[in-house]
C-alpha atoms as a PDB file:
ATOM      1  CA  UNK A   1      17.700  -3.774 -34.531  1.00  0.00           C
ATOM      2  CA  UNK A   2      16.417  -0.162 -33.604  1.00  0.00           C
ATOM      3  CA  UNK A   3      13.666   0.599 -31.144  1.00  0.00           C
ATOM      4  CA  UNK A   4      10.199   0.952 -32.909  1.00  0.00           C
ATOM      5  CA  UNK A   5       8.572   4.931 -32.598  1.00  0.00           C
ATOM      6  CA  UNK A   6       6.352   5.047 -29.868  1.00  0.00           C
ATOM      7  CA  UNK A   7       3.227   5.522 -32.712  1.00  0.00           C
ATOM      8  CA  UNK A   8       5.012   2.811 -34.816  1.00  0.00           C
ATOM      9  CA  UNK A   9       4.691  -0.035 -32.281  1.00  0.00           C
ATOM     10  CA  UNK A  10       1.380  -2.336 -32.336  1.00  0.00           C
ATOM     11  CA  UNK A  11      -0.422  -3.567 -29.071  1.00  0.00           C
ATOM     12  CA  UNK A  12       2.087  -6.659 -29.428  1.00  0.00           C
ATOM     13  CA  UNK A  13       4.928  -4.781 -29.757  1.00  0.00           C
ATOM     14  CA  UNK A  14       3.982  -2.596 -26.286  1.00  0.00           C
ATOM     15  CA  UNK A  15       3.597  -6.569 -24.304  1.00  0.00           C
ATOM     16  CA  UNK A  16       6.495  -7.340 -25.680  1.00  0.00           C
ATOM     17  CA  UNK A  17       8.322  -4.364 -24.544  1.00  0.00           C
ATOM     18  CA  UNK A  18       6.617  -4.712 -21.353  1.00  0.00           C
ATOM     19  CA  UNK A  19       7.643  -8.605 -21.014  1.00  0.00           C
ATOM     20  CA  UNK A  20      11.425  -7.178 -21.036  1.00  0.00           C
ATOM     21  CA  UNK A  21      11.335  -4.492 -18.599  1.00  0.00           C
ATOM     22  CA  UNK A  22       9.141  -7.153 -16.090  1.00  0.00           C
ATOM     23  CA  UNK A  23      11.863  -9.430 -16.966  1.00  0.00           C
ATOM     24  CA  UNK A  24      14.740  -7.064 -16.132  1.00  0.00           C
ATOM     25  CA  UNK A  25      12.667  -6.263 -12.724  1.00  0.00           C
ATOM     26  CA  UNK A  26      12.426  -9.925 -11.785  1.00  0.00           C
ATOM     27  CA  UNK A  27      16.047 -10.573 -12.709  1.00  0.00           C
ATOM     28  CA  UNK A  28      16.894  -7.046 -10.521  1.00  0.00           C
ATOM     29  CA  UNK A  29      14.744  -8.190  -7.485  1.00  0.00           C
ATOM     30  CA  UNK A  30      16.339 -12.328  -7.646  1.00  0.00           C
ATOM     31  CA  UNK A  31      19.844 -10.799  -7.447  1.00  0.00           C
ATOM     32  CA  UNK A  32      19.370  -8.552  -4.138  1.00  0.00           C
ATOM     33  CA  UNK A  33      17.026 -11.305  -2.913  1.00  0.00           C
ATOM     34  CA  UNK A  34      19.865 -13.552  -3.231  1.00  0.00           C
ATOM     35  CA  UNK A  35      22.240 -11.295  -1.349  1.00  0.00           C
ATOM     36  CA  UNK A  36      19.581 -10.765   1.110  1.00  0.00           C
ATOM     37  CA  UNK A  37      19.477 -14.998   1.759  1.00  0.00           C
ATOM     38  CA  UNK A  38      23.067 -15.119   1.848  1.00  0.00           C
ATOM     39  CA  UNK A  39      22.870 -12.651   4.743  1.00  0.00           C
ATOM     40  CA  UNK A  40      19.782 -13.964   6.448  1.00  0.00           C
ATOM     41  CA  UNK A  41      20.901 -14.385   9.788  1.00  0.00           C
ATOM     42  CA  UNK A  42      21.652 -10.566  10.177  1.00  0.00           C
ATOM     43  CA  UNK A  43      18.615  -9.584   8.853  1.00  0.00           C
ATOM     44  CA  UNK A  44      16.528 -11.617  11.333  1.00  0.00           C
ATOM     45  CA  UNK A  45      18.447 -10.732  14.352  1.00  0.00           C
ATOM     46  CA  UNK A  46      19.214  -6.848  13.607  1.00  0.00           C
ATOM     47  CA  UNK A  47      15.731  -6.321  11.488  1.00  0.00           C
ATOM     48  CA  UNK A  48      12.763  -8.825  11.748  1.00  0.00           C
ATOM     49  CA  UNK A  49      13.320  -9.202  15.201  1.00  0.00           C
ATOM     50  CA  UNK A  50      14.678  -6.221  16.694  1.00  0.00           C
ATOM     51  CA  UNK A  51      11.042  -4.821  17.546  1.00  0.00           C
ATOM     52  CA  UNK A  52      10.778  -7.916  20.041  1.00  0.00           C
ATOM     53  CA  UNK A  53      13.689  -6.445  22.370  1.00  0.00           C
ATOM     54  CA  UNK A  54      12.244  -3.459  24.497  1.00  0.00           C
ATOM     55  CA  UNK A  55      15.382  -1.247  23.726  1.00  0.00           C
ATOM     56  CA  UNK A  56      14.233  -0.937  20.445  1.00  0.00           C
ATOM     57  CA  UNK A  57      14.048   2.986  19.799  1.00  0.00           C
ATOM     58  CA  UNK A  58      10.434   3.190  19.571  1.00  0.00           C
ATOM     59  CA  UNK A  59       9.579   1.335  22.111  1.00  0.00           C
ATOM     60  CA  UNK A  60      12.593   3.179  24.390  1.00  0.00           C
ATOM     61  CA  UNK A  61      11.139   7.069  23.111  1.00  0.00           C
ATOM     62  CA  UNK A  62       7.839   6.187  24.161  1.00  0.00           C
ATOM     63  CA  UNK A  63       8.679   5.102  27.912  1.00  0.00           C
ATOM     64  CA  UNK A  64      10.769   8.107  28.007  1.00  0.00           C
ATOM     65  CA  UNK A  65       7.963   9.753  27.395  1.00  0.00           C
ATOM     66  CA  UNK A  66       5.694   7.946  29.097  1.00  0.00           C
ATOM     67  CA  UNK A  67       7.031   8.705  32.229  1.00  0.00           C
ATOM     68  CA  UNK A  68       7.698  12.386  32.087  1.00  0.00           C
ATOM     69  CA  UNK A  69       4.008  12.893  31.834  1.00  0.00           C
ATOM     70  CA  UNK A  70       3.676  10.391  34.802  1.00  0.00           C
ATOM     71  CA  UNK A  71       1.767   7.857  32.253  1.00  0.00           C
ATOM     72  CA  UNK A  72       2.016   3.703  33.089  1.00  0.00           C
ATOM     73  CA  UNK A  73       2.796   1.997  29.855  1.00  0.00           C
ATOM     74  CA  UNK A  74       3.764  -1.779  28.961  1.00  0.00           C
ATOM     75  CA  UNK A  75       6.285   0.285  26.454  1.00  0.00           C
ATOM     76  CA  UNK A  76       8.638  -0.097  29.643  1.00  0.00           C
ATOM     77  CA  UNK A  77       8.792  -3.656  30.957  1.00  0.00           C
ATOM     78  CA  UNK A  78      11.587  -5.522  30.849  1.00  0.00           C
ATOM     79  CA  UNK A  79      10.408  -7.439  27.636  1.00  0.00           C
ATOM     80  CA  UNK A  80       7.666  -8.396  25.378  1.00  0.00           C
ATOM     81  CA  UNK A  81       5.500 -11.170  25.947  1.00  0.00           C
ATOM     82  CA  UNK A  82       5.842 -13.092  23.236  1.00  0.00           C
ATOM     83  CA  UNK A  83       7.364 -15.995  22.245  1.00  0.00           C
ATOM     84  CA  UNK A  84       8.417 -16.911  18.756  1.00  0.00           C
ATOM     85  CA  UNK A  85       8.156 -20.505  17.605  1.00  0.00           C
ATOM     86  CA  UNK A  86       8.101 -22.669  14.375  1.00  0.00           C
ATOM     87  CA  UNK A  87       4.919 -25.395  13.674  1.00  0.00           C
ATOM     88  CA  UNK A  88       5.906 -26.510  10.592  1.00  0.00           C
ATOM     89  CA  UNK A  89       8.944 -28.209   8.937  1.00  0.00           C
ATOM     90  CA  UNK A  90       9.753 -26.037   6.219  1.00  0.00           C
ATOM     91  CA  UNK A  91       8.355 -23.179   8.443  1.00  0.00           C
ATOM     92  CA  UNK A  92      11.695 -21.227   8.844  1.00  0.00           C
ATOM     93  CA  UNK A  93      13.034 -21.876   5.522  1.00  0.00           C
ATOM     94  CA  UNK A  94       9.852 -20.863   3.845  1.00  0.00           C
ATOM     95  CA  UNK A  95       9.908 -17.990   6.052  1.00  0.00           C
ATOM     96  CA  UNK A  96      13.827 -17.250   4.883  1.00  0.00           C
ATOM     97  CA  UNK A  97      13.119 -17.145   1.003  1.00  0.00           C
ATOM     98  CA  UNK A  98      10.193 -15.129   1.246  1.00  0.00           C
ATOM     99  CA  UNK A  99      11.944 -12.254   3.725  1.00  0.00           C
ATOM    100  CA  UNK A 100      14.929 -12.491   1.176  1.00  0.00           C
ATOM    101  CA  UNK A 101      12.404 -11.752  -1.872  1.00  0.00           C
ATOM    102  CA  UNK A 102      10.578  -8.965  -0.031  1.00  0.00           C
ATOM    103  CA  UNK A 103      13.861  -7.775   0.771  1.00  0.00           C
ATOM    104  CA  UNK A 104      15.130  -7.495  -2.753  1.00  0.00           C
ATOM    105  CA  UNK A 105      12.035  -5.840  -3.828  1.00  0.00           C
ATOM    106  CA  UNK A 106      12.390  -3.132  -1.239  1.00  0.00           C
ATOM    107  CA  UNK A 107      16.076  -2.295  -2.147  1.00  0.00           C
ATOM    108  CA  UNK A 108      15.049  -3.032  -5.692  1.00  0.00           C
ATOM    109  CA  UNK A 109      12.488  -0.530  -5.771  1.00  0.00           C
ATOM    110  CA  UNK A 110      14.396   2.240  -7.255  1.00  0.00           C
ATOM    111  CA  UNK A 111      14.857   0.126 -10.304  1.00  0.00           C
ATOM    112  CA  UNK A 112      11.736  -1.283 -10.329  1.00  0.00           C
ATOM    113  CA  UNK A 113      10.524   2.518 -10.564  1.00  0.00           C
ATOM    114  CA  UNK A 114      13.096   3.346 -13.058  1.00  0.00           C
ATOM    115  CA  UNK A 115      12.130  -0.064 -15.807  1.00  0.00           C
ATOM    116  CA  UNK A 116       8.724   1.241 -15.604  1.00  0.00           C
ATOM    117  CA  UNK A 117       9.190   4.620 -16.294  1.00  0.00           C
ATOM    118  CA  UNK A 118      11.142   3.467 -19.540  1.00  0.00           C
ATOM    119  CA  UNK A 119       7.846   1.878 -20.095  1.00  0.00           C
ATOM    120  CA  UNK A 120       5.768   4.742 -19.897  1.00  0.00           C
ATOM    121  CA  UNK A 121       8.240   7.352 -20.790  1.00  0.00           C
ATOM    122  CA  UNK A 122       8.051   7.301 -24.529  1.00  0.00           C
ATOM    123  CA  UNK A 123       4.128   7.622 -24.208  1.00  0.00           C
ATOM    124  CA  UNK A 124       5.062  11.171 -23.009  1.00  0.00           C
ATOM    125  CA  UNK A 125       5.656  14.278 -24.877  1.00  0.00           C
ATOM    126  CA  UNK A 126       9.143  15.862 -24.738  1.00  0.00           C
ATOM    127  CA  UNK A 127       8.486  18.535 -22.363  1.00  0.00           C
ATOM    128  CA  UNK A 128       6.759  16.358 -20.033  1.00  0.00           C
ATOM    129  CA  UNK A 129       9.598  14.080 -19.880  1.00  0.00           C
ATOM    130  CA  UNK A 130      11.426  16.674 -18.850  1.00  0.00           C
ATOM    131  CA  UNK A 131       9.434  18.005 -15.947  1.00  0.00           C
ATOM    132  CA  UNK A 132       9.059  14.268 -14.655  1.00  0.00           C
ATOM    133  CA  UNK A 133      13.120  13.465 -13.944  1.00  0.00           C
ATOM    134  CA  UNK A 134      12.614  13.622 -10.839  1.00  0.00           C
ATOM    135  CA  UNK A 135       9.777  10.940 -10.873  1.00  0.00           C
ATOM    136  CA  UNK A 136      12.039   8.003  -9.632  1.00  0.00           C
ATOM    137  CA  UNK A 137      13.821   9.950  -7.285  1.00  0.00           C
ATOM    138  CA  UNK A 138      10.961  11.275  -5.767  1.00  0.00           C
ATOM    139  CA  UNK A 139       9.098   7.805  -5.676  1.00  0.00           C
ATOM    140  CA  UNK A 140      11.343   6.204  -4.302  1.00  0.00           C
ATOM    141  CA  UNK A 141      12.472   8.707  -1.132  1.00  0.00           C
ATOM    142  CA  UNK A 142       8.564   8.679  -0.225  1.00  0.00           C
ATOM    143  CA  UNK A 143       8.330   4.919  -0.172  1.00  0.00           C
ATOM    144  CA  UNK A 144      11.751   4.010   1.532  1.00  0.00           C
ATOM    145  CA  UNK A 145       9.992   6.695   3.825  1.00  0.00           C
ATOM    146  CA  UNK A 146       7.068   5.110   4.271  1.00  0.00           C
ATOM    147  CA  UNK A 147       8.767   1.475   5.175  1.00  0.00           C
ATOM    148  CA  UNK A 148      10.764   3.037   7.343  1.00  0.00           C
ATOM    149  CA  UNK A 149       7.501   5.009   9.367  1.00  0.00           C
ATOM    150  CA  UNK A 150       5.857   1.140   8.862  1.00  0.00           C
ATOM    151  CA  UNK A 151       8.690  -0.639  10.456  1.00  0.00           C
ATOM    152  CA  UNK A 152       9.701   1.769  13.450  1.00  0.00           C
ATOM    153  CA  UNK A 153       6.375   3.244  13.884  1.00  0.00           C
ATOM    154  CA  UNK A 154       3.597   0.976  12.978  1.00  0.00           C
ATOM    155  CA  UNK A 155       5.356  -2.722  13.655  1.00  0.00           C
ATOM    156  CA  UNK A 156       6.130  -1.838  17.062  1.00  0.00           C
ATOM    157  CA  UNK A 157       3.043  -0.191  17.580  1.00  0.00           C
ATOM    158  CA  UNK A 158       1.342  -3.392  16.762  1.00  0.00           C
ATOM    159  CA  UNK A 159       3.725  -5.756  18.452  1.00  0.00           C
ATOM    160  CA  UNK A 160       3.107  -3.813  21.825  1.00  0.00           C
ATOM    161  CA  UNK A 161      -0.638  -4.091  22.050  1.00  0.00           C
ATOM    162  CA  UNK A 162      -1.192  -7.731  20.238  1.00  0.00           C
ATOM    163  CA  UNK A 163       1.658  -9.222  22.561  1.00  0.00           C
ATOM    164  CA  UNK A 164       0.114  -7.308  25.658  1.00  0.00           C
ATOM    165  CA  UNK A 165      -3.558  -7.950  24.779  1.00  0.00           C
ATOM    166  CA  UNK A 166      -4.738 -11.154  26.998  1.00  0.00           C
ATOM    167  CA  UNK A 167      -8.603 -12.389  27.596  1.00  0.00           C
ATOM    168  CA  UNK A 168      -6.590 -14.023  30.306  1.00  0.00           C
ATOM    169  CA  UNK A 169      -3.962 -15.359  32.010  1.00  0.00           C
ATOM    170  CA  UNK A 170      -3.957 -18.892  31.354  1.00  0.00           C
ATOM    171  CA  UNK A 171      -3.213 -18.071  27.695  1.00  0.00           C
ATOM    172  CA  UNK A 172       0.346 -17.303  26.659  1.00  0.00           C
ATOM    173  CA  UNK A 173       0.837 -15.878  23.221  1.00  0.00           C
ATOM    174  CA  UNK A 174       3.390 -18.425  21.279  1.00  0.00           C
ATOM    175  CA  UNK A 175       3.504 -17.274  17.856  1.00  0.00           C
ATOM    176  CA  UNK A 176       4.040 -18.534  14.717  1.00  0.00           C
ATOM    177  CA  UNK A 177       7.158 -17.214  12.541  1.00  0.00           C
ATOM    178  CA  UNK A 178       5.128 -16.968   9.698  1.00  0.00           C
ATOM    179  CA  UNK A 179       2.262 -15.251  11.987  1.00  0.00           C
ATOM    180  CA  UNK A 180       4.915 -12.454  13.072  1.00  0.00           C
ATOM    181  CA  UNK A 181       6.700 -11.904   9.925  1.00  0.00           C
ATOM    182  CA  UNK A 182       3.678 -11.668   8.087  1.00  0.00           C
ATOM    183  CA  UNK A 183       2.553  -8.532  10.529  1.00  0.00           C
ATOM    184  CA  UNK A 184       6.169  -6.726  10.353  1.00  0.00           C
ATOM    185  CA  UNK A 185       5.610  -7.386   6.001  1.00  0.00           C
ATOM    186  CA  UNK A 186       2.368  -6.298   6.135  1.00  0.00           C
ATOM    187  CA  UNK A 187       3.091  -3.108   8.219  1.00  0.00           C
ATOM    188  CA  UNK A 188       6.170  -2.084   6.450  1.00  0.00           C
ATOM    189  CA  UNK A 189       5.216  -2.343   2.917  1.00  0.00           C
ATOM    190  CA  UNK A 190       1.909  -1.231   3.158  1.00  0.00           C
ATOM    191  CA  UNK A 191       2.912   2.061   4.473  1.00  0.00           C
ATOM    192  CA  UNK A 192       5.926   1.800   1.679  1.00  0.00           C
ATOM    193  CA  UNK A 193       2.681   1.727  -0.742  1.00  0.00           C
ATOM    194  CA  UNK A 194       0.696   3.972   1.127  1.00  0.00           C
ATOM    195  CA  UNK A 195       3.449   6.676   1.137  1.00  0.00           C
ATOM    196  CA  UNK A 196       2.926   6.641  -2.817  1.00  0.00           C
ATOM    197  CA  UNK A 197      -0.058   8.852  -2.927  1.00  0.00           C
ATOM    198  CA  UNK A 198       1.616  12.330  -3.754  1.00  0.00           C
ATOM    199  CA  UNK A 199       2.535  10.755  -6.925  1.00  0.00           C
ATOM    200  CA  UNK A 200      -0.473   8.740  -7.744  1.00  0.00           C
ATOM    201  CA  UNK A 201      -2.669  11.721  -7.480  1.00  0.00           C
ATOM    202  CA  UNK A 202       0.087  13.699  -9.418  1.00  0.00           C
ATOM    203  CA  UNK A 203      -0.123  10.672 -12.628  1.00  0.00           C
ATOM    204  CA  UNK A 204      -4.532  10.828 -11.897  1.00  0.00           C
ATOM    205  CA  UNK A 205      -4.698  15.012 -11.992  1.00  0.00           C
ATOM    206  CA  UNK A 206      -2.401  14.366 -15.515  1.00  0.00           C
ATOM    207  CA  UNK A 207      -4.797  12.301 -17.103  1.00  0.00           C
ATOM    208  CA  UNK A 208      -7.791  14.244 -15.424  1.00  0.00           C
ATOM    209  CA  UNK A 209      -8.931  11.488 -13.191  1.00  0.00           C
ATOM    210  CA  UNK A 210      -8.859  13.499 -10.281  1.00  0.00           C
ATOM    211  CA  UNK A 211      -9.180  17.149  -9.620  1.00  0.00           C
ATOM    212  CA  UNK A 212      -8.202  19.580  -6.882  1.00  0.00           C
ATOM    213  CA  UNK A 213     -11.976  20.318  -6.129  1.00  0.00           C
ATOM    214  CA  UNK A 214     -12.612  16.687  -6.171  1.00  0.00           C
ATOM    215  CA  UNK A 215      -9.683  16.000  -3.850  1.00  0.00           C
ATOM    216  CA  UNK A 216     -11.149  18.598  -1.844  1.00  0.00           C
ATOM    217  CA  UNK A 217     -14.832  17.734  -2.194  1.00  0.00           C
ATOM    218  CA  UNK A 218     -14.298  14.546  -0.881  1.00  0.00           C
ATOM    219  CA  UNK A 219     -12.033  15.049   1.798  1.00  0.00           C
ATOM    220  CA  UNK A 220     -14.470  14.282   4.740  1.00  0.00           C
ATOM    221  CA  UNK A 221     -14.518  10.669   2.861  1.00  0.00           C
ATOM    222  CA  UNK A 222     -10.631  10.470   2.790  1.00  0.00           C
ATOM    223  CA  UNK A 223     -10.767  10.802   5.928  1.00  0.00           C
ATOM    224  CA  UNK A 224     -12.887   8.029   6.473  1.00  0.00           C
ATOM    225  CA  UNK A 225     -10.944   5.595   4.327  1.00  0.00           C
ATOM    226  CA  UNK A 226      -7.680   6.939   6.451  1.00  0.00           C
ATOM    227  CA  UNK A 227      -8.965   5.966   9.195  1.00  0.00           C
ATOM    228  CA  UNK A 228     -10.286   2.297   7.984  1.00  0.00           C
ATOM    229  CA  UNK A 229      -6.893   1.986   6.562  1.00  0.00           C
ATOM    230  CA  UNK A 230      -5.175   2.907   9.828  1.00  0.00           C
ATOM    231  CA  UNK A 231      -7.544   0.290  11.468  1.00  0.00           C
ATOM    232  CA  UNK A 232      -6.152  -2.148   9.074  1.00  0.00           C
ATOM    233  CA  UNK A 233      -2.452  -1.948   9.339  1.00  0.00           C
ATOM    234  CA  UNK A 234      -2.713  -1.368  13.027  1.00  0.00           C
ATOM    235  CA  UNK A 235      -4.182  -2.481  16.332  1.00  0.00           C
ATOM    236  CA  UNK A 236      -7.450  -1.443  17.243  1.00  0.00           C
ATOM    237  CA  UNK A 237      -6.666   0.979  20.103  1.00  0.00           C
ATOM    238  CA  UNK A 238      -6.896   4.769  19.242  1.00  0.00           C
ATOM    239  CA  UNK A 239      -3.540   5.891  19.746  1.00  0.00           C
ATOM    240  CA  UNK A 240      -1.831   3.953  17.497  1.00  0.00           C
ATOM    241  CA  UNK A 241      -4.708   4.870  14.807  1.00  0.00           C
ATOM    242  CA  UNK A 242      -3.696   8.148  15.400  1.00  0.00           C
ATOM    243  CA  UNK A 243      -0.515   8.504  15.064  1.00  0.00           C
ATOM    244  CA  UNK A 244      -0.380   6.284  11.159  1.00  0.00           C
ATOM    245  CA  UNK A 245      -3.414   8.691  10.041  1.00  0.00           C
ATOM    246  CA  UNK A 246      -1.927  11.776  10.832  1.00  0.00           C
ATOM    247  CA  UNK A 247       1.278  11.323   8.482  1.00  0.00           C
ATOM    248  CA  UNK A 248      -1.191   9.940   5.633  1.00  0.00           C
ATOM    249  CA  UNK A 249      -3.792  13.218   5.898  1.00  0.00           C
ATOM    250  CA  UNK A 250      -0.529  15.671   5.842  1.00  0.00           C
ATOM    251  CA  UNK A 251       0.233  12.920   2.150  1.00  0.00           C
ATOM    252  CA  UNK A 252      -3.662  14.159   1.679  1.00  0.00           C
ATOM    253  CA  UNK A 253      -3.101  17.916   1.666  1.00  0.00           C
ATOM    254  CA  UNK A 254       0.586  17.657  -0.107  1.00  0.00           C
ATOM    255  CA  UNK A 255      -1.498  15.440  -2.928  1.00  0.00           C
ATOM    256  CA  UNK A 256      -3.858  18.486  -3.096  1.00  0.00           C
ATOM    257  CA  UNK A 257      -1.017  20.471  -3.621  1.00  0.00           C
ATOM    258  CA  UNK A 258       0.210  18.287  -6.154  1.00  0.00           C
ATOM    259  CA  UNK A 259      -3.012  18.447  -7.976  1.00  0.00           C
ATOM    260  CA  UNK A 260      -2.792  22.251  -7.939  1.00  0.00           C
ATOM    261  CA  UNK A 261       0.233  22.870  -9.249  1.00  0.00           C
ATOM    262  CA  UNK A 262      -0.570  20.193 -12.134  1.00  0.00           C
ATOM    263  CA  UNK A 263      -3.704  21.926 -13.251  1.00  0.00           C
ATOM    264  CA  UNK A 264      -2.514  25.112 -12.996  1.00  0.00           C
ATOM    265  CA  UNK A 265       0.883  24.255 -15.242  1.00  0.00           C
ATOM    266  CA  UNK A 266      -1.592  22.622 -17.550  1.00  0.00           C
ATOM    267  CA  UNK A 267      -3.822  25.445 -17.581  1.00  0.00           C
ATOM    268  CA  UNK A 268      -0.993  28.168 -18.861  1.00  0.00           C
ATOM    269  CA  UNK A 269       0.165  25.563 -21.537  1.00  0.00           C
ATOM    270  CA  UNK A 270      -3.303  25.858 -23.302  1.00  0.00           C
ATOM    271  CA  UNK A 271      -2.994  29.568 -22.789  1.00  0.00           C
ATOM    272  CA  UNK A 272       0.284  29.683 -24.637  1.00  0.00           C
ATOM    273  CA  UNK A 273      -0.878  27.448 -26.990  1.00  0.00           C
ATOM    274  CA  UNK A 274      -4.072  29.359 -28.128  1.00  0.00           C
END
């Protein structure tokens, strides 16, 4: 049966179409998650628990930098003062399952975006679809850059700060595996979604929700929001918050430029049509 024209589709038709796109997304995530579950030992040893080793690239770089400028730092410690343990019967199994699902979503992200794009694109004009062909590539690239930023920057900074923070020498850091994985997961996933800001601003500008003038006007408020977001996904030390805030502010500036380009193209189109 041929697919109906977008203008002929009822609300229930749209829901049915969305349902099938979501089903395809779920199938893709489950397939990749299954593969991630099969190779879970490698994922945990080489990826999830890698920031617990002081030879991790981020620690090594920060240690060398601190040594060069003559500053004492915990990044040069022999080991992270923290023990990961499991306190519940199903704790390790649950950690394995949810990590596989998260890995399935992250790796399948380009396909997820593709399916969402397939649902939205029929409602666009031909020229709009033509100028948006790079959407999947750009959004996926930004997401993966954000995930890597969260993994290599936010995660080790958070682990180092929280592992070395102590209210008393009588207290040892014996961290439950679910708490540790939640930190790694939130750092990587939140950063990946935050890096989608230019894409979000692009679509908000296209539908008229924001303009370059609005983005400039509320720049100082955006700075406050960025600092709050940095405080949420990083430990409460100034250095970590600044490191996280800088790329977000750069993304905000890039979003302003993107918004300008969208508005300029819309005005140019209106001029040609009149």
